[in-house]
N, C-alpha and C. Protein backbone atom coordinates (compact mmCIF):
# COMPACT_ATOMS: atom_id res chain seq x y z
N UNK A 1 12.33 39.77 230.82
CA UNK A 1 13.11 39.58 229.61
C UNK A 1 12.64 38.28 228.96
N UNK A 2 12.33 38.32 227.64
CA UNK A 2 11.84 37.14 226.95
C UNK A 2 12.95 36.12 226.74
N UNK A 3 12.54 34.89 226.43
CA UNK A 3 13.50 33.80 226.22
C UNK A 3 14.45 34.13 225.06
N UNK A 4 13.91 34.67 223.95
CA UNK A 4 14.75 34.99 222.79
C UNK A 4 15.76 36.08 223.09
N UNK A 5 15.36 37.10 223.85
CA UNK A 5 16.32 38.16 224.17
C UNK A 5 17.37 37.64 225.15
N UNK A 6 17.00 36.72 226.04
CA UNK A 6 17.99 36.11 226.94
C UNK A 6 19.00 35.29 226.13
N UNK A 7 18.49 34.51 225.20
CA UNK A 7 19.37 33.70 224.36
C UNK A 7 20.29 34.61 223.53
N UNK A 8 19.75 35.69 223.00
CA UNK A 8 20.56 36.63 222.24
C UNK A 8 21.64 37.27 223.08
N UNK A 9 21.31 37.60 224.33
CA UNK A 9 22.29 38.19 225.24
C UNK A 9 23.41 37.20 225.54
N UNK A 10 23.06 35.94 225.77
CA UNK A 10 24.07 34.91 226.04
C UNK A 10 24.98 34.69 224.84
N UNK A 11 24.41 34.67 223.65
CA UNK A 11 25.21 34.51 222.44
C UNK A 11 26.14 35.71 222.28
N UNK A 12 25.65 36.91 222.57
CA UNK A 12 26.47 38.11 222.49
C UNK A 12 27.64 38.07 223.45
N UNK A 13 27.38 37.62 224.68
CA UNK A 13 28.45 37.50 225.67
C UNK A 13 29.48 36.47 225.22
N UNK A 14 29.01 35.33 224.71
CA UNK A 14 29.93 34.28 224.26
C UNK A 14 30.81 34.78 223.10
N UNK A 15 30.23 35.49 222.14
CA UNK A 15 31.01 36.03 221.02
C UNK A 15 32.00 37.08 221.50
N UNK A 16 31.57 37.90 222.45
CA UNK A 16 32.48 38.93 222.99
C UNK A 16 33.66 38.29 223.69
N UNK A 17 33.41 37.21 224.45
CA UNK A 17 34.49 36.54 225.16
C UNK A 17 35.50 35.95 224.19
N UNK A 18 35.04 35.42 223.08
CA UNK A 18 35.96 34.88 222.08
C UNK A 18 36.81 36.01 221.52
N UNK A 19 36.21 37.14 221.22
CA UNK A 19 36.95 38.28 220.69
C UNK A 19 37.91 38.88 221.70
N UNK A 20 37.52 38.88 222.96
CA UNK A 20 38.36 39.47 224.01
C UNK A 20 39.57 38.60 224.30
N UNK A 21 39.39 37.30 224.35
CA UNK A 21 40.48 36.43 224.74
C UNK A 21 41.46 36.13 223.61
N UNK A 22 41.14 36.55 222.39
CA UNK A 22 42.04 36.28 221.27
C UNK A 22 42.33 37.53 220.46
N UNK A 23 42.83 38.62 221.07
CA UNK A 23 43.06 39.85 220.31
C UNK A 23 44.23 39.76 219.33
N UNK A 24 45.11 38.78 219.51
CA UNK A 24 46.27 38.71 218.63
C UNK A 24 45.89 38.33 217.20
N UNK A 25 44.72 37.79 217.00
CA UNK A 25 44.31 37.42 215.65
C UNK A 25 43.90 38.64 214.83
N UNK A 26 43.77 39.80 215.47
CA UNK A 26 43.27 40.97 214.78
C UNK A 26 44.35 42.01 214.51
N UNK A 27 45.54 41.59 214.14
CA UNK A 27 46.59 42.55 213.81
C UNK A 27 47.35 42.09 212.57
N UNK A 28 48.04 43.02 211.96
CA UNK A 28 48.80 42.74 210.75
C UNK A 28 50.28 42.57 211.11
N UNK A 29 50.61 41.46 211.73
CA UNK A 29 51.98 41.22 212.19
C UNK A 29 52.95 41.22 211.03
N UNK A 30 53.95 42.09 211.11
CA UNK A 30 55.00 42.12 210.12
C UNK A 30 54.62 42.76 208.79
N UNK A 31 53.38 43.22 208.64
CA UNK A 31 52.94 43.80 207.37
C UNK A 31 53.49 45.21 207.16
N UNK A 32 53.70 45.95 208.23
CA UNK A 32 54.09 47.34 208.11
C UNK A 32 55.36 47.62 208.91
N UNK A 33 56.40 46.90 208.67
CA UNK A 33 57.66 47.14 209.35
C UNK A 33 57.90 46.19 210.50
N UNK A 34 58.25 46.74 211.66
CA UNK A 34 58.64 45.95 212.82
C UNK A 34 57.46 45.12 213.32
N UNK A 35 57.74 43.88 213.70
CA UNK A 35 56.72 43.00 214.27
C UNK A 35 56.39 43.52 215.67
N UNK A 36 55.17 43.98 215.85
CA UNK A 36 54.77 44.59 217.12
C UNK A 36 54.46 43.57 218.20
N UNK A 37 54.47 42.29 217.88
CA UNK A 37 54.22 41.28 218.91
C UNK A 37 55.29 41.27 219.98
N UNK A 38 56.47 41.74 219.67
CA UNK A 38 57.58 41.69 220.61
C UNK A 38 57.73 42.98 221.42
N UNK A 39 56.88 43.97 221.17
CA UNK A 39 56.94 45.21 221.92
C UNK A 39 55.76 45.29 222.89
N UNK A 40 55.96 45.82 224.11
CA UNK A 40 54.85 45.89 225.06
C UNK A 40 53.78 46.88 224.60
N UNK A 41 52.54 46.56 224.80
CA UNK A 41 51.43 47.42 224.45
C UNK A 41 50.45 47.47 225.62
N UNK A 42 50.15 48.67 226.08
CA UNK A 42 49.21 48.84 227.17
C UNK A 42 47.83 48.33 226.76
N UNK A 43 47.49 48.47 225.50
CA UNK A 43 46.19 48.02 225.01
C UNK A 43 46.09 46.49 225.08
N UNK A 44 47.17 45.79 224.76
CA UNK A 44 47.18 44.34 224.89
C UNK A 44 46.96 43.94 226.34
N UNK A 45 47.58 44.68 227.26
CA UNK A 45 47.36 44.42 228.69
C UNK A 45 45.88 44.59 229.03
N UNK A 46 45.26 45.63 228.45
CA UNK A 46 43.84 45.86 228.68
C UNK A 46 42.98 44.73 228.16
N UNK A 47 43.30 44.22 226.96
CA UNK A 47 42.56 43.09 226.41
C UNK A 47 42.69 41.85 227.29
N UNK A 48 43.92 41.57 227.73
CA UNK A 48 44.12 40.39 228.58
C UNK A 48 43.38 40.54 229.90
N UNK A 49 43.44 41.74 230.47
CA UNK A 49 42.71 41.99 231.71
C UNK A 49 41.21 41.88 231.52
N UNK A 50 40.70 42.38 230.40
CA UNK A 50 39.27 42.33 230.12
C UNK A 50 38.79 40.89 229.93
N UNK A 51 39.57 40.12 229.19
CA UNK A 51 39.20 38.72 228.98
C UNK A 51 39.19 37.95 230.28
N UNK A 52 40.22 38.15 231.08
CA UNK A 52 40.30 37.46 232.37
C UNK A 52 39.17 37.91 233.28
N UNK A 53 38.93 39.22 233.33
CA UNK A 53 37.86 39.74 234.18
C UNK A 53 36.49 39.21 233.77
N UNK A 54 36.24 39.15 232.47
CA UNK A 54 34.95 38.63 231.99
C UNK A 54 34.78 37.17 232.35
N UNK A 55 35.82 36.38 232.16
CA UNK A 55 35.72 34.95 232.49
C UNK A 55 35.52 34.73 233.99
N UNK A 56 36.24 35.51 234.80
CA UNK A 56 36.09 35.37 236.25
C UNK A 56 34.72 35.86 236.71
N UNK A 57 34.23 36.94 236.11
CA UNK A 57 32.89 37.43 236.43
C UNK A 57 31.82 36.43 236.03
N UNK A 58 32.00 35.81 234.88
CA UNK A 58 31.08 34.77 234.42
C UNK A 58 31.07 33.61 235.40
N UNK A 59 32.23 33.18 235.82
CA UNK A 59 32.34 32.05 236.75
C UNK A 59 31.74 32.39 238.11
N UNK A 60 32.12 33.53 238.67
CA UNK A 60 31.63 33.91 240.00
C UNK A 60 30.13 34.14 240.00
N UNK A 61 29.62 34.83 238.98
CA UNK A 61 28.18 35.10 238.96
C UNK A 61 27.39 33.81 238.76
N UNK A 62 27.91 32.86 238.01
CA UNK A 62 27.22 31.58 237.86
C UNK A 62 27.12 30.87 239.21
N UNK A 63 28.21 30.87 239.97
CA UNK A 63 28.19 30.21 241.28
C UNK A 63 27.19 30.88 242.23
N UNK A 64 27.02 32.19 242.11
CA UNK A 64 26.09 32.91 242.98
C UNK A 64 24.65 32.61 242.62
N UNK A 65 24.31 32.55 241.33
CA UNK A 65 22.91 32.43 240.93
C UNK A 65 22.47 31.01 240.57
N UNK A 66 23.33 30.04 240.64
CA UNK A 66 22.99 28.71 240.11
C UNK A 66 21.83 28.04 240.82
N UNK A 67 21.58 28.32 242.07
CA UNK A 67 20.47 27.70 242.80
C UNK A 67 19.28 28.63 242.97
N UNK A 68 19.29 29.75 242.30
CA UNK A 68 18.23 30.74 242.43
C UNK A 68 17.16 30.53 241.37
N UNK A 69 15.94 30.91 241.68
CA UNK A 69 14.84 30.81 240.72
C UNK A 69 14.30 32.18 240.32
N UNK A 70 15.03 33.22 240.62
CA UNK A 70 14.58 34.58 240.35
C UNK A 70 14.60 34.88 238.86
N UNK A 71 13.66 35.74 238.42
CA UNK A 71 13.62 36.16 237.03
C UNK A 71 14.75 37.13 236.69
N UNK A 72 15.34 37.74 237.71
CA UNK A 72 16.40 38.72 237.49
C UNK A 72 17.79 38.07 237.41
N UNK A 73 17.86 36.75 237.44
CA UNK A 73 19.14 36.07 237.44
C UNK A 73 19.98 36.36 236.21
N UNK A 74 19.37 36.34 235.05
CA UNK A 74 20.13 36.59 233.83
C UNK A 74 20.67 38.01 233.80
N UNK A 75 19.85 38.95 234.25
CA UNK A 75 20.31 40.34 234.30
C UNK A 75 21.49 40.46 235.25
N UNK A 76 21.40 39.85 236.42
CA UNK A 76 22.50 39.87 237.39
C UNK A 76 23.74 39.20 236.80
N UNK A 77 23.53 38.06 236.15
CA UNK A 77 24.61 37.29 235.54
C UNK A 77 25.37 38.12 234.51
N UNK A 78 24.65 38.75 233.60
CA UNK A 78 25.27 39.53 232.53
C UNK A 78 25.87 40.83 233.05
N UNK A 79 25.18 41.45 234.01
CA UNK A 79 25.71 42.70 234.59
C UNK A 79 27.01 42.43 235.32
N UNK A 80 27.05 41.38 236.11
CA UNK A 80 28.27 41.04 236.85
C UNK A 80 29.42 40.71 235.89
N UNK A 81 29.12 39.98 234.85
CA UNK A 81 30.14 39.65 233.86
C UNK A 81 30.66 40.91 233.17
N UNK A 82 29.76 41.81 232.80
CA UNK A 82 30.17 43.05 232.15
C UNK A 82 31.00 43.94 233.05
N UNK A 83 30.57 44.09 234.30
CA UNK A 83 31.34 44.92 235.25
C UNK A 83 32.71 44.30 235.49
N UNK A 84 32.77 42.99 235.62
CA UNK A 84 34.05 42.31 235.82
C UNK A 84 34.97 42.50 234.62
N UNK A 85 34.41 42.49 233.42
CA UNK A 85 35.22 42.71 232.21
C UNK A 85 35.79 44.13 232.21
N UNK A 86 34.98 45.11 232.59
CA UNK A 86 35.45 46.50 232.63
C UNK A 86 36.52 46.70 233.70
N UNK A 87 36.30 46.09 234.87
CA UNK A 87 37.31 46.18 235.94
C UNK A 87 38.60 45.50 235.48
N UNK A 88 38.48 44.36 234.82
CA UNK A 88 39.66 43.67 234.30
C UNK A 88 40.41 44.50 233.27
N UNK A 89 39.67 45.19 232.39
CA UNK A 89 40.32 46.04 231.39
C UNK A 89 41.07 47.18 232.07
N UNK A 90 40.42 47.80 233.04
CA UNK A 90 41.08 48.88 233.78
C UNK A 90 42.31 48.40 234.52
N UNK A 91 42.20 47.24 235.13
CA UNK A 91 43.34 46.66 235.85
C UNK A 91 44.48 46.34 234.87
N UNK A 92 44.13 45.78 233.73
CA UNK A 92 45.15 45.47 232.72
C UNK A 92 45.86 46.71 232.22
N UNK A 93 45.12 47.77 231.96
CA UNK A 93 45.74 49.01 231.50
C UNK A 93 46.62 49.60 232.59
N UNK A 94 46.15 49.56 233.84
CA UNK A 94 46.96 50.08 234.96
C UNK A 94 48.26 49.29 235.10
N UNK A 95 48.16 47.96 235.01
CA UNK A 95 49.37 47.13 235.08
C UNK A 95 50.30 47.46 233.92
N UNK A 96 49.72 47.67 232.73
CA UNK A 96 50.53 48.03 231.57
C UNK A 96 51.26 49.35 231.76
N UNK A 97 50.59 50.35 232.31
CA UNK A 97 51.23 51.64 232.55
C UNK A 97 52.35 51.53 233.58
N UNK A 98 52.08 50.81 234.67
CA UNK A 98 53.12 50.61 235.68
C UNK A 98 54.29 49.82 235.10
N UNK A 99 53.96 48.83 234.26
CA UNK A 99 54.99 47.98 233.68
C UNK A 99 55.91 48.78 232.76
N UNK A 100 55.34 49.68 231.99
CA UNK A 100 56.16 50.49 231.09
C UNK A 100 57.08 51.44 231.85
N UNK A 101 56.68 51.84 233.06
CA UNK A 101 57.51 52.74 233.87
C UNK A 101 58.58 51.99 234.66
N UNK A 102 58.43 50.69 234.79
CA UNK A 102 59.35 49.92 235.63
C UNK A 102 60.68 49.69 234.91
N UNK A 103 61.66 49.25 235.67
CA UNK A 103 62.97 48.96 235.07
C UNK A 103 63.01 47.56 234.46
N UNK A 104 61.93 46.79 234.64
CA UNK A 104 61.81 45.46 234.04
C UNK A 104 60.50 45.35 233.27
N UNK A 105 60.33 46.09 232.16
CA UNK A 105 59.06 46.02 231.43
C UNK A 105 58.80 44.61 230.91
N UNK A 106 57.56 44.24 230.91
CA UNK A 106 57.16 42.93 230.42
C UNK A 106 56.69 41.99 231.51
N UNK A 107 57.08 42.23 232.76
CA UNK A 107 56.70 41.33 233.85
C UNK A 107 55.19 41.36 234.05
N UNK A 108 54.59 42.55 234.00
CA UNK A 108 53.13 42.67 234.14
C UNK A 108 52.40 41.95 233.03
N UNK A 109 52.92 42.04 231.81
CA UNK A 109 52.30 41.35 230.68
C UNK A 109 52.35 39.84 230.84
N UNK A 110 53.46 39.36 231.35
CA UNK A 110 53.58 37.92 231.60
C UNK A 110 52.58 37.49 232.67
N UNK A 111 52.45 38.31 233.70
CA UNK A 111 51.51 38.00 234.78
C UNK A 111 50.07 37.99 234.27
N UNK A 112 49.70 38.98 233.46
CA UNK A 112 48.35 39.01 232.90
C UNK A 112 48.11 37.82 231.97
N UNK A 113 49.09 37.53 231.12
CA UNK A 113 48.96 36.40 230.20
C UNK A 113 48.78 35.10 230.97
N UNK A 114 49.63 34.89 231.98
CA UNK A 114 49.55 33.64 232.73
C UNK A 114 48.25 33.54 233.54
N UNK A 115 47.74 34.68 234.02
CA UNK A 115 46.47 34.65 234.73
C UNK A 115 45.34 34.27 233.77
N UNK A 116 45.37 34.82 232.57
CA UNK A 116 44.37 34.44 231.56
C UNK A 116 44.50 32.96 231.22
N UNK A 117 45.72 32.51 230.99
CA UNK A 117 45.92 31.10 230.66
C UNK A 117 45.52 30.19 231.83
N UNK A 118 45.84 30.60 233.06
CA UNK A 118 45.44 29.82 234.23
C UNK A 118 43.93 29.73 234.35
N UNK A 119 43.25 30.85 234.06
CA UNK A 119 41.79 30.87 234.10
C UNK A 119 41.22 29.93 233.05
N UNK A 120 41.75 30.00 231.84
CA UNK A 120 41.27 29.13 230.75
C UNK A 120 41.57 27.66 231.03
N UNK A 121 42.80 27.37 231.47
CA UNK A 121 43.16 25.99 231.76
C UNK A 121 42.32 25.44 232.92
N UNK A 122 42.17 26.24 233.97
CA UNK A 122 41.34 25.81 235.10
C UNK A 122 39.91 25.54 234.67
N UNK A 123 39.39 26.41 233.80
CA UNK A 123 38.03 26.21 233.30
C UNK A 123 37.90 24.93 232.49
N UNK A 124 38.90 24.66 231.65
CA UNK A 124 38.85 23.43 230.84
C UNK A 124 39.01 22.17 231.69
N UNK A 125 39.89 22.23 232.69
CA UNK A 125 40.04 21.09 233.60
C UNK A 125 38.74 20.88 234.38
N UNK A 126 38.17 21.97 234.88
CA UNK A 126 36.90 21.87 235.61
C UNK A 126 35.78 21.36 234.72
N UNK A 127 35.75 21.81 233.47
CA UNK A 127 34.75 21.33 232.52
C UNK A 127 34.91 19.83 232.28
N UNK A 128 36.14 19.39 232.17
CA UNK A 128 36.41 17.97 231.96
C UNK A 128 35.96 17.14 233.17
N UNK A 129 36.31 17.61 234.37
CA UNK A 129 35.88 16.91 235.58
C UNK A 129 34.35 16.90 235.67
N UNK A 130 33.73 18.04 235.37
CA UNK A 130 32.27 18.11 235.37
C UNK A 130 31.66 17.16 234.36
N UNK A 131 32.29 17.02 233.19
CA UNK A 131 31.81 16.08 232.19
C UNK A 131 31.90 14.64 232.64
N UNK A 132 33.00 14.32 233.32
CA UNK A 132 33.15 12.96 233.85
C UNK A 132 32.08 12.67 234.89
N UNK A 133 31.83 13.64 235.77
CA UNK A 133 30.80 13.48 236.79
C UNK A 133 29.43 13.33 236.13
N UNK A 134 29.15 14.16 235.12
CA UNK A 134 27.85 14.10 234.43
C UNK A 134 27.66 12.76 233.72
N UNK A 135 28.72 12.23 233.13
CA UNK A 135 28.62 10.94 232.44
C UNK A 135 28.40 9.78 233.39
N UNK A 136 28.85 9.94 234.62
CA UNK A 136 28.73 8.86 235.61
C UNK A 136 27.57 9.10 236.58
N UNK A 137 26.45 9.57 236.05
CA UNK A 137 25.24 9.70 236.86
C UNK A 137 24.96 11.09 237.38
N UNK A 138 25.79 12.05 237.04
CA UNK A 138 25.53 13.42 237.48
C UNK A 138 24.54 14.10 236.56
N UNK A 139 24.56 15.42 236.59
CA UNK A 139 23.66 16.21 235.75
C UNK A 139 24.48 17.07 234.80
N UNK A 140 23.84 17.60 233.78
CA UNK A 140 24.51 18.48 232.84
C UNK A 140 25.03 19.74 233.50
N UNK A 141 24.39 20.14 234.59
CA UNK A 141 24.80 21.33 235.33
C UNK A 141 26.20 21.17 235.91
N UNK A 142 26.64 19.93 236.09
CA UNK A 142 27.99 19.68 236.62
C UNK A 142 29.08 20.23 235.69
N UNK A 143 28.79 20.31 234.39
CA UNK A 143 29.75 20.88 233.44
C UNK A 143 30.00 22.35 233.76
N UNK A 144 28.94 23.13 233.91
CA UNK A 144 29.08 24.56 234.20
C UNK A 144 29.67 24.78 235.59
N UNK A 145 29.27 23.96 236.55
CA UNK A 145 29.81 24.09 237.91
C UNK A 145 31.31 23.81 237.91
N UNK A 146 31.72 22.76 237.25
CA UNK A 146 33.15 22.42 237.18
C UNK A 146 33.96 23.50 236.49
N UNK A 147 33.44 24.02 235.37
CA UNK A 147 34.15 25.07 234.64
C UNK A 147 34.27 26.34 235.47
N UNK A 148 33.21 26.68 236.20
CA UNK A 148 33.24 27.89 237.03
C UNK A 148 34.25 27.78 238.16
N UNK A 149 34.20 26.69 238.87
CA UNK A 149 35.15 26.49 239.98
C UNK A 149 36.57 26.40 239.44
N UNK A 150 36.77 25.67 238.35
CA UNK A 150 38.10 25.53 237.76
C UNK A 150 38.69 26.85 237.31
N UNK A 151 37.88 27.72 236.71
CA UNK A 151 38.36 29.04 236.27
C UNK A 151 38.85 29.87 237.44
N UNK A 152 38.06 29.89 238.51
CA UNK A 152 38.45 30.68 239.68
C UNK A 152 39.72 30.12 240.33
N UNK A 153 39.80 28.81 240.46
CA UNK A 153 40.99 28.19 241.05
C UNK A 153 42.22 28.42 240.17
N UNK A 154 42.05 28.31 238.85
CA UNK A 154 43.16 28.54 237.93
C UNK A 154 43.70 29.95 238.01
N UNK A 155 42.81 30.94 238.12
CA UNK A 155 43.26 32.33 238.23
C UNK A 155 43.99 32.58 239.54
N UNK A 156 43.44 32.07 240.64
CA UNK A 156 44.08 32.26 241.95
C UNK A 156 45.45 31.59 241.95
N UNK A 157 45.55 30.39 241.40
CA UNK A 157 46.82 29.68 241.37
C UNK A 157 47.84 30.44 240.55
N UNK A 158 47.43 31.01 239.42
CA UNK A 158 48.36 31.76 238.57
C UNK A 158 48.91 32.99 239.29
N UNK A 159 48.03 33.72 239.97
CA UNK A 159 48.48 34.91 240.70
C UNK A 159 49.40 34.51 241.85
N UNK A 160 49.03 33.46 242.57
CA UNK A 160 49.86 33.00 243.70
C UNK A 160 51.23 32.54 243.20
N UNK A 161 51.27 31.87 242.08
CA UNK A 161 52.53 31.40 241.51
C UNK A 161 53.42 32.58 241.15
N UNK A 162 52.84 33.65 240.61
CA UNK A 162 53.64 34.82 240.25
C UNK A 162 54.15 35.55 241.48
N UNK A 163 53.36 35.60 242.53
CA UNK A 163 53.81 36.28 243.74
C UNK A 163 55.02 35.58 244.34
N UNK A 164 55.02 34.26 244.37
CA UNK A 164 56.17 33.55 244.93
C UNK A 164 57.36 33.60 243.98
N UNK A 165 57.11 33.51 242.68
CA UNK A 165 58.20 33.55 241.71
C UNK A 165 58.86 34.92 241.69
N UNK A 166 58.06 35.99 241.68
CA UNK A 166 58.63 37.35 241.65
C UNK A 166 59.42 37.63 242.92
N UNK A 167 58.92 37.18 244.07
CA UNK A 167 59.65 37.40 245.33
C UNK A 167 60.99 36.68 245.28
N UNK A 168 61.00 35.47 244.74
CA UNK A 168 62.25 34.71 244.64
C UNK A 168 63.22 35.35 243.67
N UNK A 169 62.73 35.85 242.53
CA UNK A 169 63.64 36.46 241.56
C UNK A 169 64.19 37.78 242.07
N UNK A 170 63.39 38.54 242.84
CA UNK A 170 63.89 39.79 243.41
C UNK A 170 64.98 39.48 244.44
N UNK A 171 64.76 38.47 245.28
CA UNK A 171 65.77 38.08 246.27
C UNK A 171 67.05 37.64 245.57
N UNK A 172 66.93 36.90 244.47
CA UNK A 172 68.10 36.47 243.72
C UNK A 172 68.85 37.66 243.15
N UNK A 173 68.12 38.63 242.59
CA UNK A 173 68.75 39.81 242.01
C UNK A 173 69.48 40.63 243.08
N UNK A 174 68.90 40.72 244.29
CA UNK A 174 69.56 41.45 245.38
C UNK A 174 70.86 40.75 245.76
N UNK A 175 70.81 39.42 245.86
CA UNK A 175 72.04 38.66 246.19
C UNK A 175 73.09 38.85 245.11
N UNK A 176 72.68 38.82 243.84
CA UNK A 176 73.62 39.04 242.74
C UNK A 176 74.24 40.42 242.83
N UNK A 177 73.42 41.45 243.10
CA UNK A 177 73.92 42.83 243.18
C UNK A 177 74.91 42.95 244.35
N UNK A 178 74.59 42.31 245.49
CA UNK A 178 75.49 42.35 246.65
C UNK A 178 76.81 41.66 246.32
N UNK A 179 76.74 40.53 245.64
CA UNK A 179 77.95 39.79 245.29
C UNK A 179 78.78 40.60 244.31
N UNK A 180 78.14 41.22 243.32
CA UNK A 180 78.87 42.04 242.35
C UNK A 180 79.50 43.26 243.01
N UNK A 181 78.79 43.87 243.97
CA UNK A 181 79.34 45.05 244.67
C UNK A 181 80.51 44.65 245.56
N UNK A 182 80.47 43.46 246.15
CA UNK A 182 81.55 42.98 247.03
C UNK A 182 82.80 42.60 246.25
N UNK A 183 82.65 42.20 244.99
CA UNK A 183 83.82 41.77 244.22
C UNK A 183 84.54 42.93 243.57
N UNK A 184 83.92 44.13 243.55
CA UNK A 184 84.61 45.26 242.91
C UNK A 184 85.44 46.06 243.87
């Protein structure tokens, strides 16, 4: 693959990531009746899952190939990112479908949103740490390394936070239901 086609592929991935992570800018809120931002949409879940999957695939594939000198690295990098984006979209849609069937719709959307935000925040924190390291005698590669590690840590932390929060809220709801049943 030539240098120009590699650069074009990277620019394409970067533009796609911007479009994937900001789907709310592409709707006519309030233009045609009810504001749809307040209603659950399986497609929005798919966009959030796709954006998160692409960012995590980008981060993980960078960590795998960063010390390699193979000519196939860019192909592996882009393929892994693309597959991760597709898996994320499928996961987001599946969560959206399950969420719509549940008695508490919206929880899956909050989880997907927070995972995306955790991934983005982790990436920005990692990028900042990498920049500080690079400014104090490190290399420019420290920026990408920090952003990659930060994105993965941010996503894991977001999912772990939701698992403990959801378990606590379910336990609280069970106690409330028991108390309400005992008082009647």
